[in-house]
Amino acid sequence: MPINRRALIATSLFALAGCSTGRFDANLLTLSGDQAVNELRRDAGLSSLRRDSGLVRAAQRQADAMASKETMSHAAGGPFAERVRPYYRGQYYAENIAAGQSNLGRAVASWIQSPPHRRNMLDKHMQAYGIASAKSQSGKLYWAMVLAG
């Protein structure tokens, strides 16, 4: 039996809408990463994260490494601390990675639906983040989000 992609996407969005309390709107996932992540945080009573150019560079380094190796792995770009600390000095760090999602909204949706990744985005210590993607030679997109506080 063939998979109905529209039904699958609709089901995912309904499930996503149930992941949060209050006013989080799953339609925001089609907006920028800043808007989607910060709406999720506001819905949880947390302050917004600011996009940080250094963390974007750290995320890009990870996304590029995963794409070049065609593997989704936190180790693809080398030790996490070595990848992040040159770009941002903080006490708290976290990383979300994903592969195969066709756009930022779907990558963010996958993280929101994953309890460990969602916890990273809702960590009260986090103050800034960066998101990046890279395409492998086979055309697969790899995503990385680095958070810091």
C-alpha atoms as a PDB file:
ATOM      1  CA  MET A   1       0.000   0.000   0.000  1.00  0.00           C
ATOM      2  CA  PRO A   2       1.543   3.363  -1.007  1.00  0.00           C
ATOM      3  CA  ILE A   3       2.247   5.998   1.618  1.00  0.00           C
ATOM      4  CA  ASN A   4       0.026   9.069   1.416  1.00  0.00           C
ATOM      5  CA  ARG A   5       2.596  11.843   2.011  1.00  0.00           C
ATOM      6  CA  ARG A   6      -0.016  14.547   2.625  1.00  0.00           C
ATOM      7  CA  ALA A   7      -1.747  12.430   5.245  1.00  0.00           C
ATOM      8  CA  LEU A   8       1.604  11.688   6.860  1.00  0.00           C
ATOM      9  CA  ILE A   9       2.533  15.394   6.997  1.00  0.00           C
ATOM     10  CA  ALA A  10      -0.921  16.325   8.361  1.00  0.00           C
ATOM     11  CA  THR A  11      -0.663  13.603  11.018  1.00  0.00           C
ATOM     12  CA  SER A  12       2.811  14.846  11.983  1.00  0.00           C
ATOM     13  CA  LEU A  13       1.570  18.418  12.327  1.00  0.00           C
ATOM     14  CA  PHE A  14      -1.380  17.341  14.476  1.00  0.00           C
ATOM     15  CA  ALA A  15       0.963  15.304  16.674  1.00  0.00           C
ATOM     16  CA  LEU A  16       3.354  18.239  16.816  1.00  0.00           C
ATOM     17  CA  ALA A  17       0.572  20.594  17.873  1.00  0.00           C
ATOM     18  CA  GLY A  18      -0.101  18.267  20.809  1.00  0.00           C
ATOM     19  CA  CYS A  19       3.531  18.347  21.954  1.00  0.00           C
ATOM     20  CA  SER A  20       3.214  21.776  23.442  1.00  0.00           C
ATOM     21  CA  THR A  21       0.816  23.461  25.762  1.00  0.00           C
ATOM     22  CA  GLY A  22      -0.899  26.765  25.253  1.00  0.00           C
ATOM     23  CA  ARG A  23      -0.504  28.821  22.116  1.00  0.00           C
ATOM     24  CA  PHE A  24       2.237  27.047  20.151  1.00  0.00           C
ATOM     25  CA  ASP A  25       1.092  26.879  16.536  1.00  0.00           C
ATOM     26  CA  ALA A  26       2.560  24.084  14.390  1.00  0.00           C
ATOM     27  CA  ASN A  27       2.157  26.323  11.332  1.00  0.00           C
ATOM     28  CA  LEU A  28       5.066  28.400  12.649  1.00  0.00           C
ATOM     29  CA  LEU A  29       7.361  25.593  11.566  1.00  0.00           C
ATOM     30  CA  THR A  30       7.145  26.940   8.036  1.00  0.00           C
ATOM     31  CA  LEU A  31       8.656  30.217   9.285  1.00  0.00           C
ATOM     32  CA  SER A  32      12.260  30.939  10.107  1.00  0.00           C
ATOM     33  CA  GLY A  33      14.108  28.893  12.681  1.00  0.00           C
ATOM     34  CA  ASP A  34      14.227  31.939  14.955  1.00  0.00           C
ATOM     35  CA  GLN A  35      10.455  32.255  14.977  1.00  0.00           C
ATOM     36  CA  ALA A  36       9.696  28.546  15.418  1.00  0.00           C
ATOM     37  CA  VAL A  37      12.214  27.918  18.184  1.00  0.00           C
ATOM     38  CA  ASN A  38      11.412  31.120  20.042  1.00  0.00           C
ATOM     39  CA  GLU A  39       7.653  30.575  19.851  1.00  0.00           C
ATOM     40  CA  LEU A  40       8.210  27.135  21.376  1.00  0.00           C
ATOM     41  CA  ARG A  41      10.255  28.719  24.175  1.00  0.00           C
ATOM     42  CA  ARG A  42       7.737  31.512  24.780  1.00  0.00           C
ATOM     43  CA  ASP A  43       4.973  28.903  24.984  1.00  0.00           C
ATOM     44  CA  ALA A  44       6.990  27.198  27.740  1.00  0.00           C
ATOM     45  CA  GLY A  45       7.473  30.513  29.597  1.00  0.00           C
ATOM     46  CA  LEU A  46      11.144  30.872  28.612  1.00  0.00           C
ATOM     47  CA  SER A  47      13.016  33.797  27.134  1.00  0.00           C
ATOM     48  CA  SER A  48      13.796  33.883  23.437  1.00  0.00           C
ATOM     49  CA  LEU A  49      17.138  32.727  22.085  1.00  0.00           C
ATOM     50  CA  ARG A  50      19.163  35.061  19.933  1.00  0.00           C
ATOM     51  CA  ARG A  51      20.750  33.910  16.725  1.00  0.00           C
ATOM     52  CA  ASP A  52      24.526  34.051  17.087  1.00  0.00           C
ATOM     53  CA  SER A  53      26.808  34.221  14.042  1.00  0.00           C
ATOM     54  CA  GLY A  54      29.526  32.217  15.807  1.00  0.00           C
ATOM     55  CA  LEU A  55      27.097  29.436  16.625  1.00  0.00           C
ATOM     56  CA  VAL A  56      25.874  29.506  13.017  1.00  0.00           C
ATOM     57  CA  ARG A  57      29.501  28.914  11.955  1.00  0.00           C
ATOM     58  CA  ALA A  58      29.835  26.040  14.446  1.00  0.00           C
ATOM     59  CA  ALA A  59      26.577  24.529  13.175  1.00  0.00           C
ATOM     60  CA  GLN A  60      27.733  24.948   9.572  1.00  0.00           C
ATOM     61  CA  ARG A  61      30.976  23.153  10.365  1.00  0.00           C
ATOM     62  CA  GLN A  62      28.992  20.196  11.729  1.00  0.00           C
ATOM     63  CA  ALA A  63      26.471  20.152   8.859  1.00  0.00           C
ATOM     64  CA  ASP A  64      29.301  20.303   6.296  1.00  0.00           C
ATOM     65  CA  ALA A  65      31.140  17.441   8.009  1.00  0.00           C
ATOM     66  CA  MET A  66      28.043  15.238   8.088  1.00  0.00           C
ATOM     67  CA  ALA A  67      27.254  15.992   4.438  1.00  0.00           C
ATOM     68  CA  SER A  68      30.799  15.298   3.283  1.00  0.00           C
ATOM     69  CA  LYS A  69      30.795  11.947   5.118  1.00  0.00           C
ATOM     70  CA  GLU A  70      27.113  11.264   4.292  1.00  0.00           C
ATOM     71  CA  THR A  71      26.486  10.306   7.904  1.00  0.00           C
ATOM     72  CA  MET A  72      24.396  11.772  10.678  1.00  0.00           C
ATOM     73  CA  SER A  73      26.668  11.739  13.697  1.00  0.00           C
ATOM     74  CA  HIS A  74      27.575  14.161  16.457  1.00  0.00           C
ATOM     75  CA  ALA A  75      31.181  13.010  16.002  1.00  0.00           C
ATOM     76  CA  ALA A  76      31.346  13.746  12.250  1.00  0.00           C
ATOM     77  CA  GLY A  77      32.831  17.215  12.752  1.00  0.00           C
ATOM     78  CA  GLY A  78      35.201  16.248  15.552  1.00  0.00           C
ATOM     79  CA  PRO A  79      34.840  16.714  19.311  1.00  0.00           C
ATOM     80  CA  PHE A  80      31.905  18.994  20.109  1.00  0.00           C
ATOM     81  CA  ALA A  81      33.799  21.292  22.477  1.00  0.00           C
ATOM     82  CA  GLU A  82      36.556  21.833  19.908  1.00  0.00           C
ATOM     83  CA  ARG A  83      33.960  22.732  17.272  1.00  0.00           C
ATOM     84  CA  VAL A  84      32.012  25.198  19.427  1.00  0.00           C
ATOM     85  CA  ARG A  85      34.343  26.920  21.882  1.00  0.00           C
ATOM     86  CA  PRO A  86      36.284  28.907  19.246  1.00  0.00           C
ATOM     87  CA  TYR A  87      33.003  30.559  18.263  1.00  0.00           C
ATOM     88  CA  TYR A  88      31.221  31.064  21.599  1.00  0.00           C
ATOM     89  CA  ARG A  89      32.292  31.226  25.229  1.00  0.00           C
ATOM     90  CA  GLY A  90      29.639  29.904  27.551  1.00  0.00           C
ATOM     91  CA  GLN A  91      28.979  27.385  30.281  1.00  0.00           C
ATOM     92  CA  TYR A  92      26.246  25.361  28.599  1.00  0.00           C
ATOM     93  CA  TYR A  93      26.231  23.786  25.156  1.00  0.00           C
ATOM     94  CA  ALA A  94      23.966  21.416  23.237  1.00  0.00           C
ATOM     95  CA  GLU A  95      23.628  20.204  19.675  1.00  0.00           C
ATOM     96  CA  ASN A  96      20.714  18.905  17.628  1.00  0.00           C
ATOM     97  CA  ILE A  97      21.358  17.184  14.314  1.00  0.00           C
ATOM     98  CA  ALA A  98      19.044  15.810  11.639  1.00  0.00           C
ATOM     99  CA  ALA A  99      19.244  14.391   8.136  1.00  0.00           C
ATOM    100  CA  GLY A 100      16.910  14.081   5.201  1.00  0.00           C
ATOM    101  CA  GLN A 101      14.390  16.811   6.031  1.00  0.00           C
ATOM    102  CA  SER A 102      13.655  18.923   2.965  1.00  0.00           C
ATOM    103  CA  ASN A 103      13.462  22.274   4.763  1.00  0.00           C
ATOM    104  CA  LEU A 104      14.150  24.016   8.053  1.00  0.00           C
ATOM    105  CA  GLY A 105      10.551  23.665   9.230  1.00  0.00           C
ATOM    106  CA  ARG A 106      10.707  19.893   8.957  1.00  0.00           C
ATOM    107  CA  ALA A 107      14.102  19.760  10.668  1.00  0.00           C
ATOM    108  CA  VAL A 108      12.780  21.855  13.572  1.00  0.00           C
ATOM    109  CA  ALA A 109       9.613  19.703  13.676  1.00  0.00           C
ATOM    110  CA  SER A 110      11.715  16.562  14.015  1.00  0.00           C
ATOM    111  CA  TRP A 111      13.612  18.099  16.936  1.00  0.00           C
ATOM    112  CA  ILE A 112      10.426  19.266  18.640  1.00  0.00           C
ATOM    113  CA  GLN A 113       8.980  15.764  18.400  1.00  0.00           C
ATOM    114  CA  SER A 114      12.130  14.183  19.880  1.00  0.00           C
ATOM    115  CA  PRO A 115      12.212  14.529  23.692  1.00  0.00           C
ATOM    116  CA  PRO A 116      16.025  14.900  24.008  1.00  0.00           C
ATOM    117  CA  HIS A 117      16.215  17.483  21.199  1.00  0.00           C
ATOM    118  CA  ARG A 118      13.180  19.335  22.523  1.00  0.00           C
ATOM    119  CA  ARG A 119      14.838  19.476  25.966  1.00  0.00           C
ATOM    120  CA  ASN A 120      17.894  21.089  24.371  1.00  0.00           C
ATOM    121  CA  MET A 121      15.739  23.816  22.808  1.00  0.00           C
ATOM    122  CA  LEU A 122      13.825  24.336  26.060  1.00  0.00           C
ATOM    123  CA  ASP A 123      16.863  24.370  28.345  1.00  0.00           C
ATOM    124  CA  LYS A 124      16.531  27.455  30.561  1.00  0.00           C
ATOM    125  CA  HIS A 125      20.311  27.999  30.500  1.00  0.00           C
ATOM    126  CA  MET A 126      20.485  28.467  26.746  1.00  0.00           C
ATOM    127  CA  GLN A 127      20.711  32.033  25.471  1.00  0.00           C
ATOM    128  CA  ALA A 128      21.820  31.747  21.830  1.00  0.00           C
ATOM    129  CA  TYR A 129      21.834  29.376  18.915  1.00  0.00           C
ATOM    130  CA  GLY A 130      22.794  28.828  15.295  1.00  0.00           C
ATOM    131  CA  ILE A 131      21.298  26.562  12.648  1.00  0.00           C
ATOM    132  CA  ALA A 132      22.890  25.451   9.391  1.00  0.00           C
ATOM    133  CA  SER A 133      22.432  22.871   6.666  1.00  0.00           C
ATOM    134  CA  ALA A 134      24.578  21.266   3.995  1.00  0.00           C
ATOM    135  CA  LYS A 135      23.765  19.070   1.036  1.00  0.00           C
ATOM    136  CA  SER A 136      25.716  15.875   0.397  1.00  0.00           C
ATOM    137  CA  GLN A 137      26.855  14.752  -3.049  1.00  0.00           C
ATOM    138  CA  SER A 138      23.828  12.439  -3.161  1.00  0.00           C
ATOM    139  CA  GLY A 139      21.549  15.432  -2.509  1.00  0.00           C
ATOM    140  CA  LYS A 140      20.598  14.636   1.090  1.00  0.00           C
ATOM    141  CA  LEU A 141      20.329  17.611   3.448  1.00  0.00           C
ATOM    142  CA  TYR A 142      22.054  17.501   6.820  1.00  0.00           C
ATOM    143  CA  TRP A 143      21.053  19.909   9.594  1.00  0.00           C
ATOM    144  CA  ALA A 144      22.834  21.075  12.740  1.00  0.00           C
ATOM    145  CA  MET A 145      21.658  23.345  15.535  1.00  0.00           C
ATOM    146  CA  VAL A 146      24.111  24.475  18.202  1.00  0.00           C
ATOM    147  CA  LEU A 147      22.757  26.049  21.397  1.00  0.00           C
ATOM    148  CA  ALA A 148      24.771  27.782  24.090  1.00  0.00           C
ATOM    149  CA  GLY A 149      24.336  29.722  27.292  1.00  0.00           C
END
